[in-house]
């Protein structure tokens, strides 16, 4: 899938291969759920969906119920789900991005599973992914996969230049002279990809415990200036238009035009289709650089299984999620897709240990920075996306840009918070 922060736009009725549901009605209503049929909205991309669909069918066969998997485009999934669920329609089980769960819980659109078998014996789950399923002390989801961001690099290009994967942003600058200047690194100007700079500098967007907005802190000003410093020094390139920054980054790295990017495990399948990685061994993965060596930090991402409030297939949905989130299923996903399990036991499997992407990302994920698990968590990105792109384009200075983000948070997102 593509990691994007465009998750709060107005719901629109989309058509095509990746959106098989109707807006606000039709599609999956759960009307057949009394007969034991579970409709599952899978928000993964084309590289992942066939594997999830197969596992879903296997789970249904073993569990004695029916499952109907519908693949829904990630960018449209949240608003399509809310529109459908508010009308008493939609899937029985929804694959939700971790930031969506508290929002859906607050809005009463997903089932509180605290008193079900899904909330028992959760000790096998990694703590941070499990935290994304909670809201006000209750459980509303089960972790499916986790992820974070890492530094991807072209081993041949770095070896030919005689440089090692940089551990700091300063080292990346130094390496650029040998890697072709701006061709050394593509800087994605989307808000989610600003987080390694922010977290690595000790900053954050909000302090949820103190109910403070901290996005315009001195640490964050420094973080953004570090990012722009790469562009100013001609040691990195970016897209002028933030709407195509991700696709430009993917194309540049896959073709070998640039030597390094920051991305997540979901991107590996696309990279391995590129001319630069016909030899899979040429793809290198390392922790994101930081201000100091070993102090890089990236955000926690991932997805959770949730059950729609009002479903008539609750019992079957519980059985379905138990199977889909079980160790066997997570091992299969890790082996075939290189996605990161949320169960500790899955990492003990020999095949998972041997999976190169999982092996590279496991320490990255364990050190990743938890995002604020608040209902407004997903809405924090849109104002930052605009400000970050404007700042990198030289339209305003870092402090002004971040002050505007803080004001937008106060006015539109976390209105009860103070600006700290």
Protein backbone atom coordinates (compact mmCIF):
# COMPACT_ATOMS: atom_id res chain seq x y z
CA UNK A 1 0.00 0.00 0.00
CA UNK A 2 0.97 3.62 -0.28
CA UNK A 3 1.40 5.46 2.98
CA UNK A 4 -0.48 8.72 2.65
CA UNK A 5 -1.82 11.32 5.02
CA UNK A 6 -4.80 12.24 2.86
CA UNK A 7 -7.29 10.47 5.10
CA UNK A 8 -9.63 13.26 6.12
CA UNK A 9 -10.94 14.49 2.80
CA UNK A 10 -14.65 14.55 2.07
CA UNK A 11 -15.99 11.10 1.18
CA UNK A 12 -16.50 10.63 -2.52
CA UNK A 13 -18.07 7.80 -4.45
CA UNK A 14 -15.22 6.17 -6.37
CA UNK A 15 -15.36 3.42 -8.92
CA UNK A 16 -12.84 1.01 -10.36
CA UNK A 17 -10.93 -2.11 -9.47
CA UNK A 18 -9.78 -0.91 -6.07
CA UNK A 19 -13.14 0.34 -4.80
CA UNK A 20 -15.87 -2.27 -4.99
CA UNK A 21 -18.34 -0.70 -2.59
CA UNK A 22 -21.09 1.82 -3.11
CA UNK A 23 -21.15 5.07 -1.20
CA UNK A 24 -23.61 5.21 1.69
CA UNK A 25 -25.49 2.13 0.58
CA UNK A 26 -25.46 -0.91 -1.64
CA UNK A 27 -22.33 -3.01 -1.69
CA UNK A 28 -21.81 -4.75 1.63
CA UNK A 29 -24.72 -4.34 3.98
CA UNK A 30 -24.14 -7.33 6.19
CA UNK A 31 -27.74 -8.37 5.42
CA UNK A 32 -26.64 -11.96 4.80
CA UNK A 33 -24.70 -12.07 8.05
CA UNK A 34 -27.40 -14.09 9.90
CA UNK A 35 -26.31 -17.07 7.81
CA UNK A 36 -22.74 -16.73 9.03
CA UNK A 37 -21.26 -14.62 6.23
CA UNK A 38 -18.55 -12.09 7.09
CA UNK A 39 -17.88 -9.21 4.72
CA UNK A 40 -14.30 -8.00 5.08
CA UNK A 41 -13.04 -4.67 3.76
CA UNK A 42 -9.36 -5.11 2.96
CA UNK A 43 -7.54 -1.77 2.64
CA UNK A 44 -4.22 -3.22 1.52
CA UNK A 45 -2.86 -2.63 -1.97
CA UNK A 46 -2.65 -4.89 -5.02
CA UNK A 47 0.64 -6.43 -3.88
CA UNK A 48 -0.86 -7.58 -0.58
CA UNK A 49 -4.56 -8.18 -1.15
CA UNK A 50 -4.27 -11.60 -2.86
CA UNK A 51 -2.45 -12.99 0.17
CA UNK A 52 -4.96 -11.56 2.65
CA UNK A 53 -7.83 -12.83 0.50
CA UNK A 54 -6.41 -16.36 0.46
CA UNK A 55 -5.86 -16.37 4.22
CA UNK A 56 -9.40 -15.07 4.71
CA UNK A 57 -10.84 -17.90 2.63
CA UNK A 58 -8.74 -20.45 4.51
CA UNK A 59 -9.99 -19.04 7.81
CA UNK A 60 -13.60 -19.27 6.66
CA UNK A 61 -13.17 -22.86 5.52
CA UNK A 62 -11.65 -23.85 8.85
CA UNK A 63 -14.14 -21.81 10.88
CA UNK A 64 -17.32 -22.99 9.21
CA UNK A 65 -18.58 -19.62 7.98
CA UNK A 66 -18.47 -17.69 4.71
CA UNK A 67 -16.31 -14.66 3.99
CA UNK A 68 -16.58 -12.06 1.27
CA UNK A 69 -13.45 -9.98 0.83
CA UNK A 70 -13.76 -6.57 -0.83
CA UNK A 71 -10.65 -4.58 -1.64
CA UNK A 72 -11.10 -0.88 -0.88
CA UNK A 73 -8.67 1.86 -1.88
CA UNK A 74 -6.77 3.01 1.22
CA UNK A 75 -7.17 6.74 0.51
CA UNK A 76 -10.97 6.42 0.37
CA UNK A 77 -11.47 3.67 2.94
CA UNK A 78 -12.00 5.71 6.11
CA UNK A 79 -14.62 8.06 4.75
CA UNK A 80 -16.36 5.30 2.78
CA UNK A 81 -16.54 3.23 5.96
CA UNK A 82 -17.90 6.10 8.06
CA UNK A 83 -20.52 6.92 5.45
CA UNK A 84 -21.65 3.31 5.22
CA UNK A 85 -21.51 2.55 8.96
CA UNK A 86 -23.47 5.66 9.90
CA UNK A 87 -26.25 4.30 7.70
CA UNK A 88 -26.11 0.87 9.31
CA UNK A 89 -24.29 -0.62 6.35
CA UNK A 90 -20.76 -1.52 5.39
CA UNK A 91 -18.48 -4.45 6.20
CA UNK A 92 -18.62 -6.71 9.22
CA UNK A 93 -14.84 -6.51 9.63
CA UNK A 94 -12.77 -3.46 8.63
CA UNK A 95 -8.99 -3.30 8.28
CA UNK A 96 -8.37 0.11 9.85
CA UNK A 97 -5.17 2.14 9.90
CA UNK A 98 -3.99 2.49 13.50
CA UNK A 99 -4.87 6.18 13.70
CA UNK A 100 -8.47 5.50 12.68
CA UNK A 101 -9.41 3.20 15.55
CA UNK A 102 -9.80 5.81 18.34
CA UNK A 103 -11.79 8.04 15.99
CA UNK A 104 -14.15 5.24 15.00
CA UNK A 105 -14.49 4.20 18.65
CA UNK A 106 -15.38 7.72 19.76
CA UNK A 107 -17.97 7.95 16.97
CA UNK A 108 -19.56 4.64 17.97
CA UNK A 109 -18.82 2.99 14.63
CA UNK A 110 -16.85 -0.03 15.87
CA UNK A 111 -17.67 -2.65 18.48
CA UNK A 112 -16.21 -2.56 21.99
CA UNK A 113 -14.60 -6.02 22.12
CA UNK A 114 -13.40 -5.74 25.73
CA UNK A 115 -15.73 -8.51 26.90
CA UNK A 116 -14.99 -10.89 24.01
CA UNK A 117 -12.34 -13.55 23.50
CA UNK A 118 -10.46 -11.09 21.25
CA UNK A 119 -9.46 -9.03 24.29
CA UNK A 120 -8.25 -12.02 26.31
CA UNK A 121 -4.67 -13.31 26.37
CA UNK A 122 -3.25 -10.30 24.51
CA UNK A 123 0.19 -10.73 26.07
CA UNK A 124 1.58 -12.13 22.81
CA UNK A 125 1.04 -8.80 21.02
CA UNK A 126 3.71 -6.11 20.89
CA UNK A 127 2.83 -3.32 23.31
CA UNK A 128 2.81 -0.37 20.91
CA UNK A 129 0.58 -1.92 18.22
CA UNK A 130 -1.74 -3.16 20.96
CA UNK A 131 -1.95 0.38 22.31
CA UNK A 132 -3.45 1.54 19.02
CA UNK A 133 -6.52 -0.61 19.65
CA UNK A 134 -7.49 1.13 22.89
CA UNK A 135 -9.79 4.07 23.58
CA UNK A 136 -10.70 5.28 27.05
CA UNK A 137 -9.51 2.01 28.57
CA UNK A 138 -11.54 -0.26 26.31
CA UNK A 139 -10.52 -2.44 23.36
CA UNK A 140 -11.85 -1.78 19.87
CA UNK A 141 -9.50 -3.71 17.62
CA UNK A 142 -6.90 -6.43 17.20
CA UNK A 143 -3.45 -5.65 15.73
CA UNK A 144 -2.91 -7.03 12.24
CA UNK A 145 0.49 -5.73 11.08
CA UNK A 146 2.82 -3.04 12.34
CA UNK A 147 5.32 -0.93 10.44
CA UNK A 148 7.66 2.01 10.61
CA UNK A 149 9.97 3.95 8.31
CA UNK A 150 13.55 3.01 7.46
CA UNK A 151 16.31 4.14 5.13
CA UNK A 152 16.26 2.21 1.87
CA UNK A 153 19.46 2.33 -0.14
CA UNK A 154 20.90 1.03 -3.39
CA UNK A 155 23.80 -1.14 -2.25
CA UNK A 156 25.66 -0.95 -5.55
CA UNK A 157 25.49 2.83 -5.79
CA UNK A 158 26.76 3.23 -2.24
CA UNK A 159 29.49 0.61 -2.69
CA UNK A 160 30.68 2.16 -5.95
CA UNK A 161 30.87 5.53 -4.20
CA UNK A 162 32.71 4.03 -1.25
CA UNK A 163 30.18 5.17 1.36
CA UNK A 164 28.28 3.39 4.11
CA UNK A 165 24.57 3.87 4.87
CA UNK A 166 24.48 7.16 6.80
CA UNK A 167 23.59 7.08 10.48
CA UNK A 168 23.10 10.84 10.75
CA UNK A 169 21.73 13.53 8.46
CA UNK A 170 25.19 15.11 8.49
CA UNK A 171 26.69 11.86 7.20
CA UNK A 172 24.07 11.83 4.45
CA UNK A 173 25.21 15.31 3.43
CA UNK A 174 28.83 14.19 3.38
CA UNK A 175 28.01 11.12 1.30
CA UNK A 176 26.11 13.15 -1.28
CA UNK A 177 29.27 14.56 -2.83
CA UNK A 178 30.21 11.02 -3.87
CA UNK A 179 26.67 9.98 -4.83
CA UNK A 180 25.85 12.72 -7.30
CA UNK A 181 24.61 15.53 -5.10
CA UNK A 182 20.82 15.77 -5.40
CA UNK A 183 20.74 12.19 -6.68
CA UNK A 184 21.84 10.88 -3.31
CA UNK A 185 18.46 11.16 -1.56
CA UNK A 186 14.82 11.85 -2.42
CA UNK A 187 13.03 13.77 0.32
CA UNK A 188 9.29 13.07 0.37
CA UNK A 189 7.56 16.31 1.36
CA UNK A 190 4.47 14.58 2.78
CA UNK A 191 3.76 15.16 6.48
CA UNK A 192 4.16 11.51 7.54
CA UNK A 193 7.73 11.60 6.19
CA UNK A 194 8.52 14.67 8.26
CA UNK A 195 8.11 12.59 11.42
CA UNK A 196 11.61 10.98 11.36
CA UNK A 197 13.09 14.48 11.46
CA UNK A 198 10.67 15.59 14.19
CA UNK A 199 10.95 12.49 16.39
CA UNK A 200 14.70 12.27 15.82
CA UNK A 201 15.08 15.82 17.14
CA UNK A 202 13.06 15.02 20.26
CA UNK A 203 9.89 16.72 19.05
CA UNK A 204 6.27 15.67 18.67
CA UNK A 205 2.97 17.03 17.33
CA UNK A 206 0.91 17.03 20.53
CA UNK A 207 1.35 15.99 24.14
CA UNK A 208 -1.86 14.02 24.61
CA UNK A 209 -1.37 13.45 28.35
CA UNK A 210 -0.90 17.16 29.04
CA UNK A 211 -3.39 18.16 26.32
CA UNK A 212 -0.87 20.52 24.75
CA UNK A 213 -0.05 21.37 21.15
CA UNK A 214 3.72 21.15 20.75
CA UNK A 215 4.08 21.06 16.97
CA UNK A 216 5.65 24.55 16.91
CA UNK A 217 8.35 23.74 19.48
CA UNK A 218 11.97 24.80 19.06
CA UNK A 219 12.89 21.14 18.52
CA UNK A 220 10.47 20.91 15.60
CA UNK A 221 11.75 24.14 14.07
CA UNK A 222 15.22 22.63 14.15
CA UNK A 223 13.91 19.37 12.70
CA UNK A 224 12.33 21.03 9.68
CA UNK A 225 15.43 23.14 9.13
CA UNK A 226 17.48 19.94 9.07
CA UNK A 227 15.26 18.56 6.33
CA UNK A 228 15.41 21.72 4.24
CA UNK A 229 19.16 21.90 4.83
CA UNK A 230 19.50 18.77 2.71
CA UNK A 231 17.76 20.52 -0.18
CA UNK A 232 19.63 23.79 0.27
CA UNK A 233 22.96 21.97 0.21
CA UNK A 234 21.96 20.23 -3.05
CA UNK A 235 22.31 16.88 -1.32
CA UNK A 236 18.68 15.84 -1.86
CA UNK A 237 15.80 16.43 -4.24
CA UNK A 238 12.04 16.59 -3.75
CA UNK A 239 8.85 17.09 -5.73
CA UNK A 240 7.46 20.59 -5.96
CA UNK A 241 3.88 19.29 -5.88
CA UNK A 242 3.18 17.33 -2.67
CA UNK A 243 0.40 15.36 -4.37
CA UNK A 244 2.90 13.47 -6.52
CA UNK A 245 5.85 13.40 -4.14
CA UNK A 246 5.37 9.74 -3.20
CA UNK A 247 5.06 8.47 -6.77
CA UNK A 248 8.06 10.53 -7.86
CA UNK A 249 10.10 9.10 -4.98
CA UNK A 250 9.10 5.55 -5.87
CA UNK A 251 9.99 5.98 -9.53
CA UNK A 252 13.33 7.65 -8.83
CA UNK A 253 14.51 5.00 -6.39
CA UNK A 254 13.18 2.00 -8.34
CA UNK A 255 14.98 3.12 -11.48
CA UNK A 256 18.27 3.82 -9.71
CA UNK A 257 18.05 7.56 -10.33
CA UNK A 258 18.50 8.25 -6.61
CA UNK A 259 20.51 6.22 -4.13
CA UNK A 260 18.41 6.51 -0.95
CA UNK A 261 14.86 7.12 0.28
CA UNK A 262 12.91 6.75 3.52
CA UNK A 263 9.92 4.43 3.32
CA UNK A 264 8.15 1.48 4.94
CA UNK A 265 8.02 -2.29 4.38
CA UNK A 266 4.90 -2.00 2.21
CA UNK A 267 7.06 -0.42 -0.53
CA UNK A 268 9.43 -3.36 -1.01
CA UNK A 269 7.28 -5.23 -3.54
CA UNK A 270 7.19 -2.17 -5.79
CA UNK A 271 10.93 -1.56 -5.49
CA UNK A 272 11.71 -5.13 -6.50
CA UNK A 273 9.86 -4.56 -9.76
CA UNK A 274 12.24 -1.71 -10.64
CA UNK A 275 15.26 -1.86 -12.92
CA UNK A 276 17.63 -1.06 -10.04
CA UNK A 277 16.58 -4.13 -8.06
CA UNK A 278 16.29 -6.96 -10.55
CA UNK A 279 18.86 -8.42 -8.18
CA UNK A 280 16.89 -8.38 -4.92
CA UNK A 281 20.13 -8.44 -2.93
CA UNK A 282 20.85 -4.89 -4.13
CA UNK A 283 18.12 -3.47 -1.86
CA UNK A 284 19.53 -2.33 1.48
CA UNK A 285 17.55 -1.36 4.57
CA UNK A 286 18.89 0.52 7.61
CA UNK A 287 17.45 2.61 10.46
CA UNK A 288 16.57 6.20 9.56
CA UNK A 289 19.37 8.67 10.26
CA UNK A 290 19.13 10.98 13.25
CA UNK A 291 20.77 14.13 14.50
CA UNK A 292 23.25 11.85 16.25
CA UNK A 293 24.20 8.26 15.41
CA UNK A 294 21.82 5.69 16.81
CA UNK A 295 19.23 8.31 17.74
CA UNK A 296 17.07 8.18 14.63
CA UNK A 297 13.38 7.63 15.27
CA UNK A 298 10.44 6.85 13.02
CA UNK A 299 6.68 6.66 13.57
CA UNK A 300 4.72 3.52 14.34
CA UNK A 301 2.21 2.62 11.68
CA UNK A 302 0.19 -0.44 10.87
CA UNK A 303 -3.37 -1.75 10.78
CA UNK A 304 -5.93 -3.26 13.11
CA UNK A 305 -8.97 -5.46 12.61
CA UNK A 306 -12.22 -3.87 13.84
CA UNK A 307 -15.86 -5.00 13.90
CA UNK A 308 -18.59 -2.68 12.66
CA UNK A 309 -21.08 -1.53 15.26
CA UNK A 310 -24.46 -3.05 14.40
CA UNK A 311 -23.16 -6.08 12.52
CA UNK A 312 -25.36 -9.18 12.63
CA UNK A 313 -22.31 -11.41 12.16
CA UNK A 314 -20.52 -10.58 15.41
CA UNK A 315 -19.82 -14.17 16.43
CA UNK A 316 -18.45 -15.08 13.00
CA UNK A 317 -16.51 -11.83 12.85
CA UNK A 318 -14.81 -12.67 16.15
CA UNK A 319 -13.83 -16.11 14.86
CA UNK A 320 -12.60 -14.53 11.63
CA UNK A 321 -10.37 -12.01 13.40
CA UNK A 322 -9.02 -14.65 15.77
CA UNK A 323 -7.85 -16.61 12.76
CA UNK A 324 -6.62 -13.65 10.68
CA UNK A 325 -4.60 -12.25 13.60
CA UNK A 326 -3.32 -15.61 14.81
CA UNK A 327 0.33 -16.59 14.78
CA UNK A 328 -0.02 -18.89 11.75
CA UNK A 329 -1.62 -16.17 9.65
CA UNK A 330 0.94 -13.58 10.75
CA UNK A 331 3.79 -15.94 9.87
CA UNK A 332 2.32 -16.44 6.40
CA UNK A 333 1.95 -12.69 5.86
CA UNK A 334 5.51 -12.08 7.02
CA UNK A 335 6.96 -14.84 4.82
CA UNK A 336 5.06 -13.93 1.66
CA UNK A 337 4.85 -10.14 1.92
CA UNK A 338 7.64 -9.07 4.27
CA UNK A 339 5.13 -7.24 6.49
CA UNK A 340 5.85 -7.03 10.21
CA UNK A 341 3.90 -9.25 12.61
CA UNK A 342 2.30 -7.84 15.73
CA UNK A 343 2.64 -11.10 17.65
CA UNK A 344 5.89 -11.82 19.48
CA UNK A 345 5.54 -15.54 18.77
CA UNK A 346 5.59 -14.94 15.02
CA UNK A 347 9.12 -13.55 15.26
CA UNK A 348 10.25 -16.86 16.75
CA UNK A 349 9.39 -18.69 13.53
CA UNK A 350 12.49 -19.72 11.56
CA UNK A 351 11.03 -18.63 8.22
CA UNK A 352 10.15 -15.22 9.63
CA UNK A 353 13.64 -14.82 11.07
CA UNK A 354 15.02 -15.58 7.59
CA UNK A 355 12.75 -13.07 5.83
CA UNK A 356 15.17 -10.24 4.94
CA UNK A 357 12.69 -7.34 5.12
CA UNK A 358 11.25 -8.46 8.45
CA UNK A 359 14.75 -9.03 9.82
CA UNK A 360 15.80 -5.54 8.77
CA UNK A 361 12.68 -3.84 10.11
CA UNK A 362 12.29 -5.71 13.40
CA UNK A 363 14.75 -3.50 15.34
CA UNK A 364 13.38 -0.42 13.56
CA UNK A 365 9.82 -1.23 14.66
CA UNK A 366 10.87 -1.99 18.23
CA UNK A 367 12.52 1.43 18.51
CA UNK A 368 9.75 3.30 16.71
CA UNK A 369 7.99 6.29 18.22
CA UNK A 370 4.34 5.73 19.20
CA UNK A 371 1.93 8.20 17.69
CA UNK A 372 -0.76 9.78 19.91
CA UNK A 373 -3.65 7.30 20.05
CA UNK A 374 -6.35 9.95 20.15
CA UNK A 375 -9.50 10.25 17.99
CA UNK A 376 -7.98 13.26 16.23
CA UNK A 377 -4.66 11.51 15.51
CA UNK A 378 -5.29 11.06 11.80
CA UNK A 379 -6.36 14.69 11.43
CA UNK A 380 -3.02 16.03 12.63
CA UNK A 381 -1.41 15.41 9.27
CA UNK A 382 -3.35 17.58 6.84
CA UNK A 383 -2.26 20.96 8.31
CA UNK A 384 1.32 19.70 8.67
CA UNK A 385 1.34 18.41 5.10
CA UNK A 386 0.59 21.86 3.71
CA UNK A 387 3.03 23.66 5.99
CA UNK A 388 5.88 21.19 5.45
CA UNK A 389 5.58 21.36 1.66
CA UNK A 390 5.40 25.17 1.74
CA UNK A 391 8.44 25.36 3.99
CA UNK A 392 10.52 23.02 1.85
CA UNK A 393 9.53 25.06 -1.20
CA UNK A 394 10.86 28.21 0.51
CA UNK A 395 7.47 29.90 0.80
CA UNK A 396 7.81 30.55 4.54
CA UNK A 397 10.25 29.96 7.39
CA UNK A 398 9.95 26.97 9.74
CA UNK A 399 8.65 28.89 12.76
CA UNK A 400 5.94 30.65 10.78
CA UNK A 401 4.88 27.43 9.10
CA UNK A 402 4.68 25.51 12.38
CA UNK A 403 2.89 28.35 14.18
CA UNK A 404 0.23 28.11 11.49
CA UNK A 405 -0.03 24.36 12.07
CA UNK A 406 -0.41 24.93 15.82
CA UNK A 407 -3.20 27.43 15.19
CA UNK A 408 -4.95 25.00 12.82
CA UNK A 409 -4.75 22.28 15.46
CA UNK A 410 -6.23 24.63 18.06
CA UNK A 411 -8.98 25.94 15.78
CA UNK A 412 -9.94 22.73 13.96
CA UNK A 413 -8.48 19.53 15.43
CA UNK A 414 -7.83 19.47 19.21
CA UNK A 415 -9.75 22.54 20.22
CA UNK A 416 -9.57 21.75 23.95
CA UNK A 417 -5.75 21.62 23.89
CA UNK A 418 -3.56 24.61 24.76
CA UNK A 419 -0.60 25.65 22.65
CA UNK A 420 2.44 24.71 24.69
